[in-house]
Amino acid sequence: MKTTSCEPRRVRQPILPEDDCSRAVTSPHLLTSDKSCIGVYGSRTVICSGDVGSPIQAPVSGGRYELVGILTDTNVCESATNATLFVRIFDHINWIRDTITSDCTCRL
């Protein structure tokens, strides 16, 4: 049975408050100041190792979504009962802008 796909998946997972996140991760030392987590506290994760690098989006007004993070965790699908870590984009926005600006001819 094939367990990976090139097709992106859409999964609705809540972004956990900081206190819940620190209790829900299995490796608290990985929870640095630029990370947060998604998931349902105490339930099995649906995030797989193949999902690493996927965007985390949050709803904003008008039915639009905003990019808020990138998945970093490598959970095994549906086997772990912990939250999934992601890197918050906002904490790295200056680096992202500098890198994009220096690597292309476009202007931001």
PDB file of N, CA and C in Angstrom:
ATOM      1  N   MET A   1       0.838  -1.186   0.000  1.00  0.00           N
ATOM      2  CA  MET A   1       0.000   0.000   0.000  1.00  0.00           C
ATOM      3  C   MET A   1       0.879   1.245   0.000  1.00  0.00           C
ATOM      4  N   LYS A   2       0.615   2.165  -0.898  1.00  0.00           N
ATOM      5  CA  LYS A   2       1.389   3.392  -0.997  1.00  0.00           C
ATOM      6  C   LYS A   2       0.952   4.359   0.099  1.00  0.00           C
ATOM      7  N   THR A   3       1.934   4.871   0.865  1.00  0.00           N
ATOM      8  CA  THR A   3       1.592   5.769   1.966  1.00  0.00           C
ATOM      9  C   THR A   3       2.038   7.198   1.723  1.00  0.00           C
ATOM     10  N   THR A   4       2.716   7.473   0.624  1.00  0.00           N
ATOM     11  CA  THR A   4       3.132   8.832   0.316  1.00  0.00           C
ATOM     12  C   THR A   4       2.517   9.269  -0.998  1.00  0.00           C
ATOM     13  N   SER A   5       2.459  10.555  -1.191  1.00  0.00           N
ATOM     14  CA  SER A   5       1.860  11.095  -2.395  1.00  0.00           C
ATOM     15  C   SER A   5       2.522  12.423  -2.732  1.00  0.00           C
ATOM     16  N   CYS A   6       2.545  12.746  -4.006  1.00  0.00           N
ATOM     17  CA  CYS A   6       3.033  14.055  -4.420  1.00  0.00           C
ATOM     18  C   CYS A   6       1.936  15.106  -4.287  1.00  0.00           C
ATOM     19  N   GLU A   7       0.725  14.664  -4.109  1.00  0.00           N
ATOM     20  CA  GLU A   7      -0.391  15.582  -3.940  1.00  0.00           C
ATOM     21  C   GLU A   7      -0.397  16.151  -2.526  1.00  0.00           C
ATOM     22  N   PRO A   8      -0.452  17.480  -2.396  1.00  0.00           N
ATOM     23  CA  PRO A   8      -0.521  18.056  -1.046  1.00  0.00           C
ATOM     24  C   PRO A   8      -1.839  17.717  -0.372  1.00  0.00           C
ATOM     25  N   ARG A   9      -1.762  17.552   0.935  1.00  0.00           N
ATOM     26  CA  ARG A   9      -2.965  17.272   1.715  1.00  0.00           C
ATOM     27  C   ARG A   9      -3.386  18.539   2.436  1.00  0.00           C
ATOM     28  N   ARG A  10      -4.665  18.667   2.681  1.00  0.00           N
ATOM     29  CA  ARG A  10      -5.169  19.770   3.495  1.00  0.00           C
ATOM     30  C   ARG A  10      -5.727  19.159   4.770  1.00  0.00           C
ATOM     31  N   VAL A  11      -5.146  19.557   5.875  1.00  0.00           N
ATOM     32  CA  VAL A  11      -5.557  19.033   7.174  1.00  0.00           C
ATOM     33  C   VAL A  11      -5.831  20.219   8.086  1.00  0.00           C
ATOM     34  N   ARG A  12      -6.967  20.218   8.729  1.00  0.00           N
ATOM     35  CA  ARG A  12      -7.280  21.295   9.671  1.00  0.00           C
ATOM     36  C   ARG A  12      -6.815  20.875  11.057  1.00  0.00           C
ATOM     37  N   GLN A  13      -5.845  21.619  11.575  1.00  0.00           N
ATOM     38  CA  GLN A  13      -5.299  21.370  12.904  1.00  0.00           C
ATOM     39  C   GLN A  13      -5.185  22.708  13.618  1.00  0.00           C
ATOM     40  N   PRO A  14      -5.568  22.768  14.884  1.00  0.00           N
ATOM     41  CA  PRO A  14      -5.448  24.037  15.600  1.00  0.00           C
ATOM     42  C   PRO A  14      -3.994  24.327  15.974  1.00  0.00           C
ATOM     43  N   ILE A  15      -3.657  25.614  15.998  1.00  0.00           N
ATOM     44  CA  ILE A  15      -2.372  26.042  16.534  1.00  0.00           C
ATOM     45  C   ILE A  15      -2.558  26.104  18.047  1.00  0.00           C
ATOM     46  N   LEU A  16      -1.737  25.356  18.764  1.00  0.00           N
ATOM     47  CA  LEU A  16      -1.902  25.247  20.216  1.00  0.00           C
ATOM     48  C   LEU A  16      -1.312  26.452  20.947  1.00  0.00           C
ATOM     49  N   PRO A  17      -1.952  26.848  22.060  1.00  0.00           N
ATOM     50  CA  PRO A  17      -1.354  27.874  22.913  1.00  0.00           C
ATOM     51  C   PRO A  17      -0.010  27.366  23.446  1.00  0.00           C
ATOM     52  N   GLU A  18       0.872  28.288  23.807  1.00  0.00           N
ATOM     53  CA  GLU A  18       2.226  27.934  24.225  1.00  0.00           C
ATOM     54  C   GLU A  18       2.255  26.911  25.362  1.00  0.00           C
ATOM     55  N   ASP A  19       1.410  27.059  26.374  1.00  0.00           N
ATOM     56  CA  ASP A  19       1.392  26.114  27.501  1.00  0.00           C
ATOM     57  C   ASP A  19       1.018  24.708  27.058  1.00  0.00           C
ATOM     58  N   ASP A  20      -0.025  24.591  26.223  1.00  0.00           N
ATOM     59  CA  ASP A  20      -0.437  23.284  25.716  1.00  0.00           C
ATOM     60  C   ASP A  20       0.645  22.672  24.836  1.00  0.00           C
ATOM     61  N   CYS A  21       1.291  23.513  24.051  1.00  0.00           N
ATOM     62  CA  CYS A  21       2.343  23.040  23.154  1.00  0.00           C
ATOM     63  C   CYS A  21       3.488  22.430  23.958  1.00  0.00           C
ATOM     64  N   SER A  22       3.915  23.107  25.001  1.00  0.00           N
ATOM     65  CA  SER A  22       5.048  22.592  25.780  1.00  0.00           C
ATOM     66  C   SER A  22       4.707  21.288  26.488  1.00  0.00           C
ATOM     67  N   ARG A  23       3.438  21.069  26.808  1.00  0.00           N
ATOM     68  CA  ARG A  23       3.030  19.800  27.429  1.00  0.00           C
ATOM     69  C   ARG A  23       2.808  18.703  26.397  1.00  0.00           C
ATOM     70  N   ALA A  24       2.519  19.087  25.163  1.00  0.00           N
ATOM     71  CA  ALA A  24       2.117  18.117  24.148  1.00  0.00           C
ATOM     72  C   ALA A  24       3.258  17.554  23.315  1.00  0.00           C
ATOM     73  N   VAL A  25       4.404  18.207  23.302  1.00  0.00           N
ATOM     74  CA  VAL A  25       5.507  17.695  22.491  1.00  0.00           C
ATOM     75  C   VAL A  25       6.281  16.636  23.260  1.00  0.00           C
ATOM     76  N   THR A  26       6.765  15.621  22.554  1.00  0.00           N
ATOM     77  CA  THR A  26       7.494  14.537  23.214  1.00  0.00           C
ATOM     78  C   THR A  26       8.945  14.904  23.489  1.00  0.00           C
ATOM     79  N   SER A  27       9.464  15.896  22.788  1.00  0.00           N
ATOM     80  CA  SER A  27      10.847  16.335  22.989  1.00  0.00           C
ATOM     81  C   SER A  27      10.848  17.842  23.270  1.00  0.00           C
ATOM     82  N   PRO A  28      10.557  18.240  24.513  1.00  0.00           N
ATOM     83  CA  PRO A  28      10.439  19.667  24.829  1.00  0.00           C
ATOM     84  C   PRO A  28      11.687  20.482  24.502  1.00  0.00           C
ATOM     85  N   HIS A  29      12.865  19.860  24.472  1.00  0.00           N
ATOM     86  CA  HIS A  29      14.078  20.598  24.142  1.00  0.00           C
ATOM     87  C   HIS A  29      14.072  21.112  22.701  1.00  0.00           C
ATOM     88  N   LEU A  30      13.219  20.537  21.848  1.00  0.00           N
ATOM     89  CA  LEU A  30      13.103  20.995  20.469  1.00  0.00           C
ATOM     90  C   LEU A  30      12.204  22.223  20.331  1.00  0.00           C
ATOM     91  N   LEU A  31      11.463  22.543  21.381  1.00  0.00           N
ATOM     92  CA  LEU A  31      10.535  23.670  21.356  1.00  0.00           C
ATOM     93  C   LEU A  31      11.302  24.949  21.695  1.00  0.00           C
ATOM     94  N   THR A  32      11.876  25.566  20.674  1.00  0.00           N
ATOM     95  CA  THR A  32      12.654  26.784  20.848  1.00  0.00           C
ATOM     96  C   THR A  32      11.752  28.002  20.680  1.00  0.00           C
ATOM     97  N   SER A  33      12.306  29.174  20.907  1.00  0.00           N
ATOM     98  CA  SER A  33      11.511  30.403  20.904  1.00  0.00           C
ATOM     99  C   SER A  33      10.875  30.719  19.549  1.00  0.00           C
ATOM    100  N   ASP A  34      11.394  30.153  18.463  1.00  0.00           N
ATOM    101  CA  ASP A  34      10.829  30.424  17.140  1.00  0.00           C
ATOM    102  C   ASP A  34       9.890  29.327  16.653  1.00  0.00           C
ATOM    103  N   LYS A  35       9.486  28.437  17.556  1.00  0.00           N
ATOM    104  CA  LYS A  35       8.608  27.339  17.162  1.00  0.00           C
ATOM    105  C   LYS A  35       7.299  27.364  17.940  1.00  0.00           C
ATOM    106  N   SER A  36       6.313  26.758  17.340  1.00  0.00           N
ATOM    107  CA  SER A  36       5.012  26.556  17.965  1.00  0.00           C
ATOM    108  C   SER A  36       4.548  25.174  17.523  1.00  0.00           C
ATOM    109  N   CYS A  37       3.333  24.788  17.868  1.00  0.00           N
ATOM    110  CA  CYS A  37       2.877  23.469  17.420  1.00  0.00           C
ATOM    111  C   CYS A  37       1.399  23.450  17.086  1.00  0.00           C
ATOM    112  N   ILE A  38       1.067  22.452  16.288  1.00  0.00           N
ATOM    113  CA  ILE A  38      -0.311  22.232  15.872  1.00  0.00           C
ATOM    114  C   ILE A  38      -0.710  20.837  16.302  1.00  0.00           C
ATOM    115  N   GLY A  39      -2.015  20.636  16.395  1.00  0.00           N
ATOM    116  CA  GLY A  39      -2.533  19.321  16.732  1.00  0.00           C
ATOM    117  C   GLY A  39      -3.663  19.425  17.730  1.00  0.00           C
ATOM    118  N   VAL A  40      -4.230  18.298  18.036  1.00  0.00           N
ATOM    119  CA  VAL A  40      -5.274  18.211  19.046  1.00  0.00           C
ATOM    120  C   VAL A  40      -4.654  17.536  20.251  1.00  0.00           C
ATOM    121  N   TYR A  41      -4.572  18.235  21.355  1.00  0.00           N
ATOM    122  CA  TYR A  41      -3.895  17.748  22.553  1.00  0.00           C
ATOM    123  C   TYR A  41      -4.421  16.362  22.951  1.00  0.00           C
ATOM    124  N   GLY A  42      -3.530  15.377  23.033  1.00  0.00           N
ATOM    125  CA  GLY A  42      -3.885  14.027  23.453  1.00  0.00           C
ATOM    126  C   GLY A  42      -4.384  13.109  22.355  1.00  0.00           C
ATOM    127  N   SER A  43      -4.490  13.594  21.116  1.00  0.00           N
ATOM    128  CA  SER A  43      -4.962  12.723  20.033  1.00  0.00           C
ATOM    129  C   SER A  43      -3.792  12.328  19.135  1.00  0.00           C
ATOM    130  N   ARG A  44      -4.028  11.328  18.322  1.00  0.00           N
ATOM    131  CA  ARG A  44      -2.978  10.869  17.406  1.00  0.00           C
ATOM    132  C   ARG A  44      -2.730  11.912  16.337  1.00  0.00           C
ATOM    133  N   THR A  45      -1.466  12.032  15.940  1.00  0.00           N
ATOM    134  CA  THR A  45      -1.122  12.997  14.901  1.00  0.00           C
ATOM    135  C   THR A  45      -1.488  12.465  13.521  1.00  0.00           C
ATOM    136  N   VAL A  46      -1.789  13.371  12.623  1.00  0.00           N
ATOM    137  CA  VAL A  46      -2.045  12.999  11.232  1.00  0.00           C
ATOM    138  C   VAL A  46      -0.942  13.553  10.334  1.00  0.00           C
ATOM    139  N   ILE A  47       0.065  14.146  10.951  1.00  0.00           N
ATOM    140  CA  ILE A  47       1.186  14.709  10.213  1.00  0.00           C
ATOM    141  C   ILE A  47       2.242  13.621  10.035  1.00  0.00           C
ATOM    142  N   CYS A  48       2.697  13.431   8.804  1.00  0.00           N
ATOM    143  CA  CYS A  48       3.647  12.370   8.484  1.00  0.00           C
ATOM    144  C   CYS A  48       5.029  12.945   8.177  1.00  0.00           C
ATOM    145  N   SER A  49       6.011  12.070   8.131  1.00  0.00           N
ATOM    146  CA  SER A  49       7.369  12.517   7.831  1.00  0.00           C
ATOM    147  C   SER A  49       7.440  13.156   6.444  1.00  0.00           C
ATOM    148  N   GLY A  50       6.619  12.727   5.529  1.00  0.00           N
ATOM    149  CA  GLY A  50       6.599  13.310   4.187  1.00  0.00           C
ATOM    150  C   GLY A  50       5.997  14.704   4.144  1.00  0.00           C
ATOM    151  N   ASP A  51       5.409  15.148   5.245  1.00  0.00           N
ATOM    152  CA  ASP A  51       4.790  16.469   5.303  1.00  0.00           C
ATOM    153  C   ASP A  51       5.763  17.566   5.713  1.00  0.00           C
ATOM    154  N   VAL A  52       6.974  17.193   6.115  1.00  0.00           N
ATOM    155  CA  VAL A  52       7.962  18.175   6.559  1.00  0.00           C
ATOM    156  C   VAL A  52       8.208  19.184   5.454  1.00  0.00           C
ATOM    157  N   GLY A  53       8.232  20.463   5.811  1.00  0.00           N
ATOM    158  CA  GLY A  53       8.406  21.533   4.841  1.00  0.00           C
ATOM    159  C   GLY A  53       7.091  22.096   4.337  1.00  0.00           C
ATOM    160  N   SER A  54       5.988  21.483   4.720  1.00  0.00           N
ATOM    161  CA  SER A  54       4.676  21.967   4.285  1.00  0.00           C
ATOM    162  C   SER A  54       4.316  23.266   4.997  1.00  0.00           C
ATOM    163  N   PRO A  55       3.494  24.083   4.344  1.00  0.00           N
ATOM    164  CA  PRO A  55       3.114  25.353   4.956  1.00  0.00           C
ATOM    165  C   PRO A  55       2.055  25.172   6.046  1.00  0.00           C
ATOM    166  N   ILE A  56       2.114  26.052   7.030  1.00  0.00           N
ATOM    167  CA  ILE A  56       1.067  26.164   8.049  1.00  0.00           C
ATOM    168  C   ILE A  56       0.388  27.498   7.775  1.00  0.00           C
ATOM    169  N   GLN A  57      -0.914  27.447   7.543  1.00  0.00           N
ATOM    170  CA  GLN A  57      -1.660  28.657   7.233  1.00  0.00           C
ATOM    171  C   GLN A  57      -2.730  28.881   8.284  1.00  0.00           C
ATOM    172  N   ALA A  58      -3.019  30.154   8.536  1.00  0.00           N
ATOM    173  CA  ALA A  58      -4.069  30.523   9.485  1.00  0.00           C
ATOM    174  C   ALA A  58      -5.075  31.405   8.754  1.00  0.00           C
ATOM    175  N   PRO A  59      -6.359  31.237   9.080  1.00  0.00           N
ATOM    176  CA  PRO A  59      -7.370  32.059   8.413  1.00  0.00           C
ATOM    177  C   PRO A  59      -7.261  33.527   8.822  1.00  0.00           C
ATOM    178  N   VAL A  60      -7.483  34.388   7.849  1.00  0.00           N
ATOM    179  CA  VAL A  60      -7.575  35.823   8.086  1.00  0.00           C
ATOM    180  C   VAL A  60      -8.901  36.290   7.494  1.00  0.00           C
ATOM    181  N   SER A  61      -9.166  37.548   7.498  1.00  0.00           N
ATOM    182  CA  SER A  61     -10.462  38.054   7.045  1.00  0.00           C
ATOM    183  C   SER A  61     -10.737  37.735   5.576  1.00  0.00           C
ATOM    184  N   GLY A  62     -12.015  37.683   5.250  1.00  0.00           N
ATOM    185  CA  GLY A  62     -12.432  37.495   3.862  1.00  0.00           C
ATOM    186  C   GLY A  62     -12.209  36.109   3.305  1.00  0.00           C
ATOM    187  N   GLY A  63     -12.072  35.091   4.155  1.00  0.00           N
ATOM    188  CA  GLY A  63     -11.877  33.725   3.699  1.00  0.00           C
ATOM    189  C   GLY A  63     -10.478  33.462   3.174  1.00  0.00           C
ATOM    190  N   ARG A  64      -9.571  34.385   3.394  1.00  0.00           N
ATOM    191  CA  ARG A  64      -8.184  34.218   2.957  1.00  0.00           C
ATOM    192  C   ARG A  64      -7.360  33.577   4.061  1.00  0.00           C
ATOM    193  N   TYR A  65      -6.200  33.061   3.667  1.00  0.00           N
ATOM    194  CA  TYR A  65      -5.279  32.434   4.615  1.00  0.00           C
ATOM    195  C   TYR A  65      -3.922  33.115   4.534  1.00  0.00           C
ATOM    196  N   GLU A  66      -3.215  33.104   5.652  1.00  0.00           N
ATOM    197  CA  GLU A  66      -1.890  33.705   5.745  1.00  0.00           C
ATOM    198  C   GLU A  66      -0.887  32.630   6.141  1.00  0.00           C
ATOM    199  N   LEU A  67       0.267  32.634   5.506  1.00  0.00           N
ATOM    200  CA  LEU A  67       1.329  31.700   5.853  1.00  0.00           C
ATOM    201  C   LEU A  67       1.910  32.109   7.201  1.00  0.00           C
ATOM    202  N   VAL A  68       1.878  31.187   8.167  1.00  0.00           N
ATOM    203  CA  VAL A  68       2.405  31.504   9.504  1.00  0.00           C
ATOM    204  C   VAL A  68       3.572  30.612   9.898  1.00  0.00           C
ATOM    205  N   GLY A  69       3.773  29.491   9.192  1.00  0.00           N
ATOM    206  CA  GLY A  69       4.864  28.612   9.571  1.00  0.00           C
ATOM    207  C   GLY A  69       5.140  27.526   8.556  1.00  0.00           C
ATOM    208  N   ILE A  70       6.182  26.734   8.871  1.00  0.00           N
ATOM    209  CA  ILE A  70       6.590  25.603   8.041  1.00  0.00           C
ATOM    210  C   ILE A  70       6.818  24.408   8.956  1.00  0.00           C
ATOM    211  N   LEU A  71       6.259  23.248   8.589  1.00  0.00           N
ATOM    212  CA  LEU A  71       6.405  22.044   9.412  1.00  0.00           C
ATOM    213  C   LEU A  71       7.856  21.609   9.538  1.00  0.00           C
ATOM    214  N   THR A  72       8.255  21.258  10.748  1.00  0.00           N
ATOM    215  CA  THR A  72       9.619  20.796  10.992  1.00  0.00           C
ATOM    216  C   THR A  72       9.663  19.408  11.587  1.00  0.00           C
ATOM    217  N   ASP A  73       8.580  18.953  12.138  1.00  0.00           N
ATOM    218  CA  ASP A  73       8.576  17.689  12.866  1.00  0.00           C
ATOM    219  C   ASP A  73       8.492  16.498  11.919  1.00  0.00           C
ATOM    220  N   THR A  74       8.974  15.343  12.362  1.00  0.00           N
ATOM    221  CA  THR A  74       8.930  14.136  11.530  1.00  0.00           C
ATOM    222  C   THR A  74       8.196  13.022  12.249  1.00  0.00           C
ATOM    223  N   ASN A  75       6.929  13.222  12.509  1.00  0.00           N
ATOM    224  CA  ASN A  75       6.116  12.198  13.158  1.00  0.00           C
ATOM    225  C   ASN A  75       5.852  11.043  12.208  1.00  0.00           C
ATOM    226  N   VAL A  76       5.603   9.889  12.776  1.00  0.00           N
ATOM    227  CA  VAL A  76       5.134   8.748  12.004  1.00  0.00           C
ATOM    228  C   VAL A  76       3.616   8.841  12.004  1.00  0.00           C
ATOM    229  N   CYS A  77       3.019   8.761  10.843  1.00  0.00           N
ATOM    230  CA  CYS A  77       1.573   8.956  10.719  1.00  0.00           C
ATOM    231  C   CYS A  77       0.779   8.158  11.746  1.00  0.00           C
ATOM    232  N   GLU A  78      -0.101   8.850  12.425  1.00  0.00           N
ATOM    233  CA  GLU A  78      -1.092   8.279  13.329  1.00  0.00           C
ATOM    234  C   GLU A  78      -0.535   7.366  14.414  1.00  0.00           C
ATOM    235  N   SER A  79       0.763   7.443  14.705  1.00  0.00           N
ATOM    236  CA  SER A  79       1.278   6.570  15.756  1.00  0.00           C
ATOM    237  C   SER A  79       1.630   7.334  17.021  1.00  0.00           C
ATOM    238  N   ALA A  80       1.957   8.604  16.878  1.00  0.00           N
ATOM    239  CA  ALA A  80       2.349   9.382  18.046  1.00  0.00           C
ATOM    240  C   ALA A  80       1.163  10.185  18.566  1.00  0.00           C
ATOM    241  N   THR A  81       1.135  10.378  19.855  1.00  0.00           N
ATOM    242  CA  THR A  81       0.080  11.203  20.450  1.00  0.00           C
ATOM    243  C   THR A  81       0.708  12.497  20.955  1.00  0.00           C
ATOM    244  N   ASN A  82       1.348  13.182  20.073  1.00  0.00           N
ATOM    245  CA  ASN A  82       1.955  14.447  20.445  1.00  0.00           C
ATOM    246  C   ASN A  82       1.676  15.497  19.380  1.00  0.00           C
ATOM    247  N   ALA A  83       1.927  16.730  19.740  1.00  0.00           N
ATOM    248  CA  ALA A  83       1.732  17.829  18.800  1.00  0.00           C
ATOM    249  C   ALA A  83       2.866  17.833  17.776  1.00  0.00           C
ATOM    250  N   THR A  84       2.656  18.551  16.697  1.00  0.00           N
ATOM    251  CA  THR A  84       3.637  18.655  15.628  1.00  0.00           C
ATOM    252  C   THR A  84       4.242  20.049  15.644  1.00  0.00           C
ATOM    253  N   LEU A  85       5.554  20.112  15.662  1.00  0.00           N
ATOM    254  CA  LEU A  85       6.253  21.400  15.700  1.00  0.00           C
ATOM    255  C   LEU A  85       6.299  22.056  14.331  1.00  0.00           C
ATOM    256  N   PHE A  86       6.267  23.385  14.340  1.00  0.00           N
ATOM    257  CA  PHE A  86       6.521  24.143  13.123  1.00  0.00           C
ATOM    258  C   PHE A  86       7.312  25.391  13.470  1.00  0.00           C
ATOM    259  N   VAL A  87       8.062  25.886  12.494  1.00  0.00           N
ATOM    260  CA  VAL A  87       8.819  27.118  12.658  1.00  0.00           C
ATOM    261  C   VAL A  87       7.905  28.272  12.265  1.00  0.00           C
ATOM    262  N   ARG A  88       7.825  29.281  13.132  1.00  0.00           N
ATOM    263  CA  ARG A  88       7.012  30.455  12.831  1.00  0.00           C
ATOM    264  C   ARG A  88       7.735  31.342  11.816  1.00  0.00           C
ATOM    265  N   ILE A  89       7.062  31.681  10.731  1.00  0.00           N
ATOM    266  CA  ILE A  89       7.613  32.511   9.669  1.00  0.00           C
ATOM    267  C   ILE A  89       7.987  33.898  10.181  1.00  0.00           C
ATOM    268  N   PHE A  90       7.144  34.487  11.006  1.00  0.00           N
ATOM    269  CA  PHE A  90       7.354  35.858  11.465  1.00  0.00           C
ATOM    270  C   PHE A  90       8.733  36.041  12.101  1.00  0.00           C
ATOM    271  N   ASP A  91       9.199  35.034  12.834  1.00  0.00           N
ATOM    272  CA  ASP A  91      10.489  35.128  13.508  1.00  0.00           C
ATOM    273  C   ASP A  91      11.671  35.134  12.542  1.00  0.00           C
ATOM    274  N   HIS A  92      11.430  34.796  11.284  1.00  0.00           N
ATOM    275  CA  HIS A  92      12.504  34.717  10.293  1.00  0.00           C
ATOM    276  C   HIS A  92      12.231  35.576   9.062  1.00  0.00           C
ATOM    277  N   ILE A  93      11.258  36.479   9.156  1.00  0.00           N
ATOM    278  CA  ILE A  93      10.823  37.226   7.974  1.00  0.00           C
ATOM    279  C   ILE A  93      11.930  38.089   7.379  1.00  0.00           C
ATOM    280  N   ASN A  94      12.770  38.689   8.208  1.00  0.00           N
ATOM    281  CA  ASN A  94      13.861  39.510   7.662  1.00  0.00           C
ATOM    282  C   ASN A  94      14.841  38.654   6.861  1.00  0.00           C
ATOM    283  N   TRP A  95      15.183  37.480   7.375  1.00  0.00           N
ATOM    284  CA  TRP A  95      16.082  36.578   6.648  1.00  0.00           C
ATOM    285  C   TRP A  95      15.433  36.136   5.334  1.00  0.00           C
ATOM    286  N   ILE A  96      14.154  35.818   5.375  1.00  0.00           N
ATOM    287  CA  ILE A  96      13.442  35.375   4.169  1.00  0.00           C
ATOM    288  C   ILE A  96      13.459  36.483   3.125  1.00  0.00           C
ATOM    289  N   ARG A  97      13.123  37.696   3.537  1.00  0.00           N
ATOM    290  CA  ARG A  97      13.116  38.819   2.587  1.00  0.00           C
ATOM    291  C   ARG A  97      14.504  39.079   2.017  1.00  0.00           C
ATOM    292  N   ASP A  98      15.521  39.068   2.866  1.00  0.00           N
ATOM    293  CA  ASP A  98      16.887  39.293   2.404  1.00  0.00           C
ATOM    294  C   ASP A  98      17.313  38.220   1.402  1.00  0.00           C
ATOM    295  N   THR A  99      16.974  36.975   1.691  1.00  0.00           N
ATOM    296  CA  THR A  99      17.347  35.868   0.816  1.00  0.00           C
ATOM    297  C   THR A  99      16.617  35.947  -0.514  1.00  0.00           C
ATOM    298  N   ILE A 100      15.338  36.232  -0.480  1.00  0.00           N
ATOM    299  CA  ILE A 100      14.555  36.344  -1.712  1.00  0.00           C
ATOM    300  C   ILE A 100      15.069  37.506  -2.550  1.00  0.00           C
ATOM    301  N   THR A 101      15.322  38.628  -1.913  1.00  0.00           N
ATOM    302  CA  THR A 101      15.789  39.810  -2.628  1.00  0.00           C
ATOM    303  C   THR A 101      17.149  39.575  -3.272  1.00  0.00           C
ATOM    304  N   SER A 102      18.037  38.894  -2.565  1.00  0.00           N
ATOM    305  CA  SER A 102      19.377  38.674  -3.110  1.00  0.00           C
ATOM    306  C   SER A 102      19.412  37.570  -4.171  1.00  0.00           C
ATOM    307  N   ASP A 103      18.385  36.721  -4.196  1.00  0.00           N
ATOM    308  CA  ASP A 103      18.383  35.586  -5.130  1.00  0.00           C
ATOM    309  C   ASP A 103      17.518  35.774  -6.365  1.00  0.00           C
ATOM    310  N   CYS A 104      16.877  36.925  -6.499  1.00  0.00           N
ATOM    311  CA  CYS A 104      16.054  37.133  -7.688  1.00  0.00           C
ATOM    312  C   CYS A 104      16.133  38.589  -8.134  1.00  0.00           C
ATOM    313  N   THR A 105      15.588  38.858  -9.279  1.00  0.00           N
ATOM    314  CA  THR A 105      15.618  40.213  -9.802  1.00  0.00           C
ATOM    315  C   THR A 105      14.349  40.982  -9.443  1.00  0.00           C
ATOM    316  N   CYS A 106      13.450  40.357  -8.714  1.00  0.00           N
ATOM    317  CA  CYS A 106      12.212  41.022  -8.326  1.00  0.00           C
ATOM    318  C   CYS A 106      12.455  41.961  -7.137  1.00  0.00           C
ATOM    319  N   ARG A 107      11.562  42.853  -6.917  1.00  0.00           N
ATOM    320  CA  ARG A 107      11.641  43.774  -5.777  1.00  0.00           C
ATOM    321  C   ARG A 107      10.443  43.513  -4.874  1.00  0.00           C
ATOM    322  N   LEU A 108      10.711  43.403  -3.589  1.00  0.00           N
ATOM    323  CA  LEU A 108       9.634  43.174  -2.620  1.00  0.00           C
ATOM    324  C   LEU A 108       9.172  44.489  -2.045  1.00  0.00           C
TER     325      LEU A 108
END
